[in-house]
């Protein structure tokens, strides 16, 4: 399926943002070893460092899916799923009184505006991921069958 300019920009935006946040999480692990030994403020079963490493790994995998040769619906589905997960985490953080998330490591704590920009980016990723997923599924359903599929 051919990707238009808006889709290419959106997928590039998502891949860049996920790559940067994953790198920031890795930097956090190495820059602040004392803080990463404490339990995560939301998911208490994990140390912060382990949780950051798991999330960074998932972000790198999704970046690989976005830039790799995967179907368009898979790209949008992965963006939608990680956006929902991030949204649930942010809601839990907000409900527990933690205003700034640690999604950019030390920088989101030092610069609170960065946390707000990431929240806006989360909304864009979720909205665009859902819209792109619906569009790509509808586009695949309207695709004409090839001769082998028609023979079945």
N, C-alpha and C. Protein backbone atom coordinates (compact mmCIF):
# COMPACT_ATOMS: atom_id res chain seq x y z
N UNK A 1 0.85 -1.17 0.00
CA UNK A 1 0.00 0.00 0.00
C UNK A 1 0.90 1.24 0.00
N UNK A 2 0.56 2.18 -0.85
CA UNK A 2 1.35 3.40 -0.98
C UNK A 2 1.06 4.34 0.19
N UNK A 3 2.12 4.94 0.72
CA UNK A 3 2.00 5.85 1.86
C UNK A 3 2.06 7.29 1.34
N UNK A 4 1.08 8.12 1.72
CA UNK A 4 1.09 9.50 1.28
C UNK A 4 1.97 10.35 2.22
N UNK A 5 2.08 11.63 1.92
CA UNK A 5 2.98 12.52 2.66
C UNK A 5 2.55 12.70 4.12
N UNK A 6 1.25 12.80 4.35
CA UNK A 6 0.77 12.98 5.73
C UNK A 6 1.08 11.74 6.56
N UNK A 7 0.85 10.56 5.99
CA UNK A 7 1.17 9.32 6.71
C UNK A 7 2.67 9.22 6.98
N UNK A 8 3.45 9.54 5.98
CA UNK A 8 4.92 9.47 6.14
C UNK A 8 5.38 10.43 7.25
N UNK A 9 4.81 11.63 7.27
CA UNK A 9 5.17 12.60 8.32
C UNK A 9 4.75 12.07 9.69
N UNK A 10 3.52 11.55 9.80
CA UNK A 10 3.03 11.06 11.08
C UNK A 10 3.86 9.87 11.57
N UNK A 11 4.14 8.93 10.70
CA UNK A 11 4.94 7.77 11.10
C UNK A 11 6.36 8.19 11.47
N UNK A 12 6.92 9.15 10.74
CA UNK A 12 8.25 9.67 11.08
C UNK A 12 8.24 10.39 12.42
N UNK A 13 7.19 11.16 12.67
CA UNK A 13 7.04 11.84 13.96
C UNK A 13 7.01 10.83 15.10
N UNK A 14 6.18 9.80 14.95
CA UNK A 14 6.04 8.78 15.99
C UNK A 14 7.36 8.04 16.21
N UNK A 15 8.01 7.65 15.13
CA UNK A 15 9.28 6.92 15.25
C UNK A 15 10.33 7.79 15.92
N UNK A 16 10.41 9.05 15.55
CA UNK A 16 11.39 9.96 16.15
C UNK A 16 11.11 10.17 17.63
N UNK A 17 9.86 10.42 17.96
CA UNK A 17 9.49 10.65 19.35
C UNK A 17 9.76 9.42 20.22
N UNK A 18 9.38 8.24 19.73
CA UNK A 18 9.63 7.01 20.49
C UNK A 18 11.12 6.73 20.63
N UNK A 19 11.88 7.00 19.58
CA UNK A 19 13.33 6.79 19.65
C UNK A 19 13.95 7.74 20.69
N UNK A 20 13.56 9.01 20.67
CA UNK A 20 14.12 9.97 21.63
C UNK A 20 13.74 9.64 23.07
N UNK A 21 12.49 9.25 23.29
CA UNK A 21 12.09 8.92 24.66
C UNK A 21 12.77 7.64 25.14
N UNK A 22 12.98 6.69 24.24
CA UNK A 22 13.69 5.46 24.63
C UNK A 22 15.14 5.78 25.00
N UNK A 23 15.78 6.64 24.21
CA UNK A 23 17.16 7.03 24.53
C UNK A 23 17.22 7.80 25.85
N UNK A 24 16.24 8.65 26.10
CA UNK A 24 16.21 9.41 27.35
C UNK A 24 16.05 8.47 28.54
N UNK A 25 15.28 7.41 28.37
CA UNK A 25 15.12 6.44 29.46
C UNK A 25 16.45 5.72 29.74
N UNK A 26 17.17 5.38 28.69
CA UNK A 26 18.47 4.73 28.88
C UNK A 26 19.47 5.66 29.54
N UNK A 27 19.45 6.92 29.16
CA UNK A 27 20.32 7.91 29.80
C UNK A 27 19.97 8.03 31.28
N UNK A 28 18.68 8.03 31.58
CA UNK A 28 18.23 8.11 32.98
C UNK A 28 18.80 6.95 33.79
N UNK A 29 18.80 5.76 33.21
CA UNK A 29 19.30 4.58 33.92
C UNK A 29 20.77 4.75 34.29
N UNK A 30 21.56 5.29 33.38
CA UNK A 30 23.00 5.42 33.63
C UNK A 30 23.38 6.68 34.38
N UNK A 31 22.56 7.73 34.29
CA UNK A 31 22.91 9.00 34.94
C UNK A 31 22.50 9.05 36.41
N UNK A 32 21.47 8.33 36.78
CA UNK A 32 20.95 8.41 38.14
C UNK A 32 20.73 7.01 38.72
N UNK A 33 21.82 6.29 39.00
CA UNK A 33 21.69 4.90 39.45
C UNK A 33 20.96 4.75 40.78
N UNK A 34 21.03 5.74 41.64
CA UNK A 34 20.35 5.63 42.94
C UNK A 34 18.84 5.69 42.77
N UNK A 35 18.37 6.56 41.88
CA UNK A 35 16.92 6.71 41.69
C UNK A 35 16.31 5.51 40.99
N UNK A 36 17.08 4.83 40.14
CA UNK A 36 16.51 3.72 39.39
C UNK A 36 16.38 2.45 40.23
N UNK A 37 16.97 2.44 41.42
CA UNK A 37 16.82 1.28 42.32
C UNK A 37 15.52 1.33 43.10
N UNK A 38 14.92 2.49 43.20
CA UNK A 38 13.66 2.65 43.93
C UNK A 38 12.52 2.03 43.12
N UNK A 39 11.44 1.64 43.79
CA UNK A 39 10.29 1.11 43.04
C UNK A 39 9.66 2.19 42.17
N UNK A 40 9.14 1.77 41.04
CA UNK A 40 8.45 2.71 40.16
C UNK A 40 7.26 3.30 40.90
N UNK A 41 7.01 4.59 40.75
CA UNK A 41 5.91 5.21 41.51
C UNK A 41 4.52 4.69 41.15
N UNK A 42 4.35 4.12 39.98
CA UNK A 42 3.05 3.63 39.56
C UNK A 42 2.99 2.10 39.58
N UNK A 43 3.96 1.47 38.95
CA UNK A 43 4.03 0.00 38.90
C UNK A 43 5.04 -0.42 39.96
N UNK A 44 4.57 -0.59 41.18
CA UNK A 44 5.45 -0.80 42.33
C UNK A 44 6.18 -2.14 42.30
N UNK A 45 5.76 -3.07 41.46
CA UNK A 45 6.38 -4.38 41.41
C UNK A 45 7.77 -4.34 40.79
N UNK A 46 8.08 -3.29 40.07
CA UNK A 46 9.36 -3.17 39.38
C UNK A 46 10.17 -2.01 39.94
N UNK A 47 11.49 -2.20 39.93
CA UNK A 47 12.37 -1.06 40.20
C UNK A 47 12.25 -0.11 39.02
N UNK A 48 12.46 1.16 39.27
CA UNK A 48 12.33 2.15 38.21
C UNK A 48 13.26 1.84 37.04
N UNK A 49 14.48 1.44 37.34
CA UNK A 49 15.44 1.15 36.28
C UNK A 49 15.01 -0.01 35.40
N UNK A 50 14.49 -1.07 36.00
CA UNK A 50 14.02 -2.22 35.24
C UNK A 50 12.82 -1.82 34.39
N UNK A 51 11.92 -1.05 34.99
CA UNK A 51 10.73 -0.62 34.25
C UNK A 51 11.11 0.29 33.08
N UNK A 52 12.03 1.23 33.31
CA UNK A 52 12.49 2.10 32.22
C UNK A 52 13.14 1.30 31.11
N UNK A 53 13.93 0.29 31.47
CA UNK A 53 14.60 -0.54 30.47
C UNK A 53 13.57 -1.33 29.65
N UNK A 54 12.55 -1.87 30.31
CA UNK A 54 11.51 -2.62 29.59
C UNK A 54 10.77 -1.71 28.62
N UNK A 55 10.39 -0.53 29.08
CA UNK A 55 9.64 0.39 28.22
C UNK A 55 10.51 0.89 27.07
N UNK A 56 11.78 1.17 27.34
CA UNK A 56 12.68 1.62 26.28
C UNK A 56 12.84 0.52 25.22
N UNK A 57 12.92 -0.73 25.65
CA UNK A 57 13.04 -1.84 24.70
C UNK A 57 11.79 -1.93 23.84
N UNK A 58 10.63 -1.80 24.45
CA UNK A 58 9.37 -1.84 23.69
C UNK A 58 9.32 -0.68 22.70
N UNK A 59 9.76 0.49 23.12
CA UNK A 59 9.78 1.65 22.21
C UNK A 59 10.71 1.40 21.03
N UNK A 60 11.88 0.83 21.27
CA UNK A 60 12.81 0.52 20.17
C UNK A 60 12.19 -0.51 19.21
N UNK A 61 11.49 -1.49 19.74
CA UNK A 61 10.84 -2.50 18.89
C UNK A 61 9.77 -1.83 18.02
N UNK A 62 9.00 -0.94 18.59
CA UNK A 62 7.96 -0.26 17.81
C UNK A 62 8.57 0.66 16.77
N UNK A 63 9.69 1.31 17.09
CA UNK A 63 10.39 2.12 16.08
C UNK A 63 10.82 1.22 14.92
N UNK A 64 11.33 0.03 15.24
CA UNK A 64 11.74 -0.90 14.18
C UNK A 64 10.54 -1.33 13.33
N UNK A 65 9.39 -1.53 13.97
CA UNK A 65 8.18 -1.87 13.21
C UNK A 65 7.75 -0.72 12.30
N UNK A 66 7.87 0.50 12.81
CA UNK A 66 7.44 1.66 12.02
C UNK A 66 8.34 1.88 10.81
N UNK A 67 9.64 1.80 11.01
CA UNK A 67 10.56 2.08 9.90
C UNK A 67 10.83 0.84 9.05
N UNK A 68 10.46 -0.32 9.56
CA UNK A 68 10.71 -1.56 8.83
C UNK A 68 9.67 -1.82 7.76
N UNK A 69 9.83 -2.94 7.10
CA UNK A 69 8.94 -3.33 6.01
C UNK A 69 7.77 -4.14 6.57
N UNK A 70 6.93 -3.49 7.35
CA UNK A 70 5.76 -4.14 7.93
C UNK A 70 4.50 -3.54 7.31
N UNK A 71 3.40 -4.27 7.34
CA UNK A 71 2.15 -3.70 6.80
C UNK A 71 1.76 -2.41 7.54
N UNK A 72 1.12 -1.55 6.82
CA UNK A 72 0.73 -0.25 7.37
C UNK A 72 -0.18 -0.42 8.58
N UNK A 73 -1.07 -1.39 8.54
CA UNK A 73 -1.97 -1.60 9.67
C UNK A 73 -1.20 -2.02 10.92
N UNK A 74 -0.11 -2.76 10.77
CA UNK A 74 0.73 -3.15 11.91
C UNK A 74 1.42 -1.94 12.52
N UNK A 75 1.87 -1.04 11.67
CA UNK A 75 2.51 0.19 12.16
C UNK A 75 1.53 1.00 13.00
N UNK A 76 0.32 1.19 12.46
CA UNK A 76 -0.68 1.98 13.18
C UNK A 76 -1.18 1.26 14.43
N UNK A 77 -1.30 -0.05 14.37
CA UNK A 77 -1.73 -0.81 15.55
C UNK A 77 -0.71 -0.70 16.67
N UNK A 78 0.57 -0.80 16.35
CA UNK A 78 1.60 -0.69 17.38
C UNK A 78 1.63 0.71 18.00
N UNK A 79 1.42 1.75 17.19
CA UNK A 79 1.36 3.11 17.71
C UNK A 79 0.15 3.28 18.62
N UNK A 80 -0.98 2.72 18.20
CA UNK A 80 -2.20 2.82 19.01
C UNK A 80 -2.03 2.09 20.34
N UNK A 81 -1.48 0.89 20.32
CA UNK A 81 -1.34 0.11 21.56
C UNK A 81 -0.40 0.80 22.53
N UNK A 82 0.75 1.27 22.06
CA UNK A 82 1.68 1.91 23.00
C UNK A 82 1.11 3.24 23.49
N UNK A 83 0.33 3.93 22.67
CA UNK A 83 -0.29 5.18 23.11
C UNK A 83 -1.32 4.91 24.20
N UNK A 84 -2.08 3.84 24.05
CA UNK A 84 -3.05 3.48 25.09
C UNK A 84 -2.32 3.13 26.39
N UNK A 85 -1.25 2.36 26.29
CA UNK A 85 -0.48 2.01 27.49
C UNK A 85 0.09 3.25 28.17
N UNK A 86 0.66 4.15 27.38
CA UNK A 86 1.19 5.39 27.95
C UNK A 86 0.09 6.22 28.57
N UNK A 87 -1.08 6.26 27.92
CA UNK A 87 -2.21 7.01 28.46
C UNK A 87 -2.68 6.46 29.79
N UNK A 88 -2.75 5.14 29.90
CA UNK A 88 -3.15 4.52 31.17
C UNK A 88 -2.13 4.84 32.26
N UNK A 89 -0.84 4.78 31.92
CA UNK A 89 0.21 5.09 32.89
C UNK A 89 0.11 6.55 33.33
N UNK A 90 -0.09 7.46 32.35
CA UNK A 90 -0.19 8.88 32.68
C UNK A 90 -1.42 9.16 33.55
N UNK A 91 -2.53 8.48 33.26
CA UNK A 91 -3.73 8.66 34.07
C UNK A 91 -3.48 8.17 35.50
N UNK A 92 -2.83 7.02 35.62
CA UNK A 92 -2.53 6.49 36.96
C UNK A 92 -1.58 7.43 37.71
N UNK A 93 -0.62 8.00 37.00
CA UNK A 93 0.31 8.95 37.63
C UNK A 93 -0.44 10.19 38.09
N UNK A 94 -1.32 10.70 37.24
CA UNK A 94 -2.09 11.88 37.60
C UNK A 94 -3.02 11.59 38.77
N UNK A 95 -3.65 10.42 38.77
CA UNK A 95 -4.58 10.06 39.84
C UNK A 95 -3.85 9.88 41.18
N UNK A 96 -2.58 9.52 41.12
CA UNK A 96 -1.82 9.35 42.36
C UNK A 96 -1.11 10.63 42.78
N UNK A 97 -1.34 11.72 42.06
CA UNK A 97 -0.78 13.01 42.44
C UNK A 97 0.56 13.34 41.81
N UNK A 98 1.04 12.50 40.92
CA UNK A 98 2.33 12.76 40.25
C UNK A 98 2.04 13.48 38.94
N UNK A 99 2.34 14.76 38.90
CA UNK A 99 2.00 15.58 37.74
C UNK A 99 2.93 15.29 36.56
N UNK A 100 4.24 15.30 36.77
CA UNK A 100 5.20 15.09 35.69
C UNK A 100 5.56 13.61 35.59
N UNK A 101 5.51 13.09 34.39
CA UNK A 101 5.89 11.69 34.20
C UNK A 101 7.40 11.60 33.95
N UNK A 102 7.90 10.39 34.03
CA UNK A 102 9.34 10.20 33.83
C UNK A 102 9.63 9.68 32.42
N UNK A 103 8.78 10.02 31.47
CA UNK A 103 8.93 9.47 30.12
C UNK A 103 10.16 10.00 29.39
N UNK A 104 10.67 11.14 29.79
CA UNK A 104 11.92 11.65 29.21
C UNK A 104 13.04 11.66 30.24
N UNK A 105 12.90 10.86 31.26
CA UNK A 105 13.95 10.75 32.24
C UNK A 105 14.14 12.03 33.03
N UNK A 106 15.38 12.42 33.22
CA UNK A 106 15.71 13.60 34.02
C UNK A 106 15.15 14.88 33.43
N UNK A 107 15.04 14.94 32.10
CA UNK A 107 14.63 16.18 31.44
C UNK A 107 13.17 16.53 31.73
N UNK A 108 12.31 15.52 31.83
CA UNK A 108 10.90 15.84 32.09
C UNK A 108 10.70 16.32 33.52
N UNK A 109 11.59 15.95 34.43
CA UNK A 109 11.51 16.46 35.80
C UNK A 109 12.11 17.86 35.89
N UNK A 110 13.15 18.11 35.13
CA UNK A 110 13.83 19.40 35.17
C UNK A 110 13.03 20.47 34.42
N UNK A 111 12.38 20.09 33.33
CA UNK A 111 11.60 21.00 32.50
C UNK A 111 10.15 20.52 32.44
N UNK A 112 9.28 21.02 33.32
CA UNK A 112 7.88 20.54 33.36
C UNK A 112 7.12 20.76 32.05
N UNK A 113 7.50 21.77 31.27
CA UNK A 113 6.82 22.01 30.00
C UNK A 113 7.02 20.83 29.05
N UNK A 114 8.14 20.15 29.18
CA UNK A 114 8.41 18.99 28.34
C UNK A 114 7.39 17.88 28.61
N UNK A 115 7.01 17.73 29.86
CA UNK A 115 6.00 16.73 30.20
C UNK A 115 4.66 17.07 29.56
N UNK A 116 4.32 18.35 29.51
CA UNK A 116 3.06 18.77 28.88
C UNK A 116 3.11 18.58 27.36
N UNK A 117 4.26 18.85 26.76
CA UNK A 117 4.40 18.62 25.32
C UNK A 117 4.29 17.14 24.99
N UNK A 118 4.84 16.30 25.85
CA UNK A 118 4.74 14.86 25.62
C UNK A 118 3.31 14.37 25.79
N UNK A 119 2.56 14.99 26.68
CA UNK A 119 1.15 14.64 26.82
C UNK A 119 0.39 15.00 25.55
N UNK A 120 0.67 16.17 24.99
CA UNK A 120 0.07 16.57 23.73
C UNK A 120 0.47 15.59 22.62
N UNK A 121 1.73 15.21 22.59
CA UNK A 121 2.20 14.24 21.59
C UNK A 121 1.51 12.90 21.75
N UNK A 122 1.24 12.52 22.99
CA UNK A 122 0.52 11.27 23.25
C UNK A 122 -0.88 11.32 22.64
N UNK A 123 -1.55 12.45 22.80
CA UNK A 123 -2.89 12.60 22.22
C UNK A 123 -2.82 12.53 20.69
N UNK A 124 -1.81 13.16 20.11
CA UNK A 124 -1.64 13.13 18.65
C UNK A 124 -1.35 11.70 18.19
N UNK A 125 -0.49 11.00 18.91
CA UNK A 125 -0.16 9.62 18.53
C UNK A 125 -1.39 8.72 18.63
N UNK A 126 -2.16 8.85 19.70
CA UNK A 126 -3.34 8.01 19.87
C UNK A 126 -4.38 8.30 18.80
N UNK A 127 -4.65 9.58 18.57
CA UNK A 127 -5.64 9.96 17.56
C UNK A 127 -5.20 9.54 16.16
N UNK A 128 -3.95 9.85 15.83
CA UNK A 128 -3.44 9.48 14.51
C UNK A 128 -3.32 7.98 14.34
N UNK A 129 -2.93 7.28 15.41
CA UNK A 129 -2.82 5.82 15.33
C UNK A 129 -4.17 5.17 15.08
N UNK A 130 -5.20 5.61 15.81
CA UNK A 130 -6.54 5.06 15.61
C UNK A 130 -7.09 5.40 14.22
N UNK A 131 -6.91 6.65 13.80
CA UNK A 131 -7.39 7.06 12.47
C UNK A 131 -6.66 6.28 11.38
N UNK A 132 -5.34 6.17 11.51
CA UNK A 132 -4.57 5.43 10.52
C UNK A 132 -4.90 3.95 10.49
N UNK A 133 -5.16 3.38 11.67
CA UNK A 133 -5.53 1.97 11.73
C UNK A 133 -6.86 1.73 11.03
N UNK A 134 -7.84 2.57 11.32
CA UNK A 134 -9.15 2.44 10.65
C UNK A 134 -9.01 2.63 9.15
N UNK A 135 -8.25 3.63 8.72
CA UNK A 135 -8.05 3.90 7.30
C UNK A 135 -7.36 2.73 6.62
N UNK A 136 -6.31 2.19 7.24
CA UNK A 136 -5.56 1.12 6.58
C UNK A 136 -6.37 -0.17 6.51
N UNK A 137 -7.20 -0.44 7.52
CA UNK A 137 -8.04 -1.63 7.47
C UNK A 137 -9.10 -1.48 6.39
N UNK A 138 -9.70 -0.31 6.29
CA UNK A 138 -10.71 -0.08 5.24
C UNK A 138 -10.07 -0.17 3.86
N UNK A 139 -8.87 0.35 3.73
CA UNK A 139 -8.16 0.33 2.44
C UNK A 139 -7.83 -1.11 2.04
N UNK A 140 -7.41 -1.93 3.01
CA UNK A 140 -7.07 -3.33 2.71
C UNK A 140 -8.32 -4.13 2.35
N UNK A 141 -9.45 -3.80 2.93
CA UNK A 141 -10.70 -4.52 2.61
C UNK A 141 -11.18 -4.20 1.21
N UNK A 142 -10.92 -2.99 0.74
CA UNK A 142 -11.36 -2.60 -0.59
C UNK A 142 -10.39 -3.02 -1.68
N UNK A 143 -9.26 -3.59 -1.28
CA UNK A 143 -8.23 -3.99 -2.24
C UNK A 143 -8.80 -5.11 -3.14
N UNK A 144 -8.61 -5.03 -4.44
CA UNK A 144 -9.12 -6.10 -5.32
C UNK A 144 -8.33 -7.39 -5.09
N UNK A 145 -9.04 -8.49 -5.20
CA UNK A 145 -8.40 -9.79 -5.02
C UNK A 145 -7.53 -10.11 -6.24
N UNK A 146 -6.45 -10.82 -6.00
CA UNK A 146 -5.66 -11.28 -7.13
C UNK A 146 -6.25 -12.58 -7.64
N UNK A 147 -5.75 -13.13 -8.71
CA UNK A 147 -6.34 -14.32 -9.34
C UNK A 147 -6.30 -15.54 -8.44
N UNK A 148 -5.25 -15.69 -7.64
CA UNK A 148 -5.15 -16.86 -6.77
C UNK A 148 -6.22 -16.80 -5.67
N UNK A 149 -6.48 -15.62 -5.11
CA UNK A 149 -7.51 -15.49 -4.10
C UNK A 149 -8.88 -15.69 -4.71
N UNK A 150 -9.10 -15.25 -5.94
CA UNK A 150 -10.40 -15.40 -6.60
C UNK A 150 -10.70 -16.86 -6.93
N UNK A 151 -9.66 -17.66 -7.18
CA UNK A 151 -9.84 -19.07 -7.51
C UNK A 151 -10.28 -19.90 -6.32
N UNK A 152 -10.07 -19.44 -5.11
CA UNK A 152 -10.42 -20.22 -3.91
C UNK A 152 -11.87 -20.27 -3.66
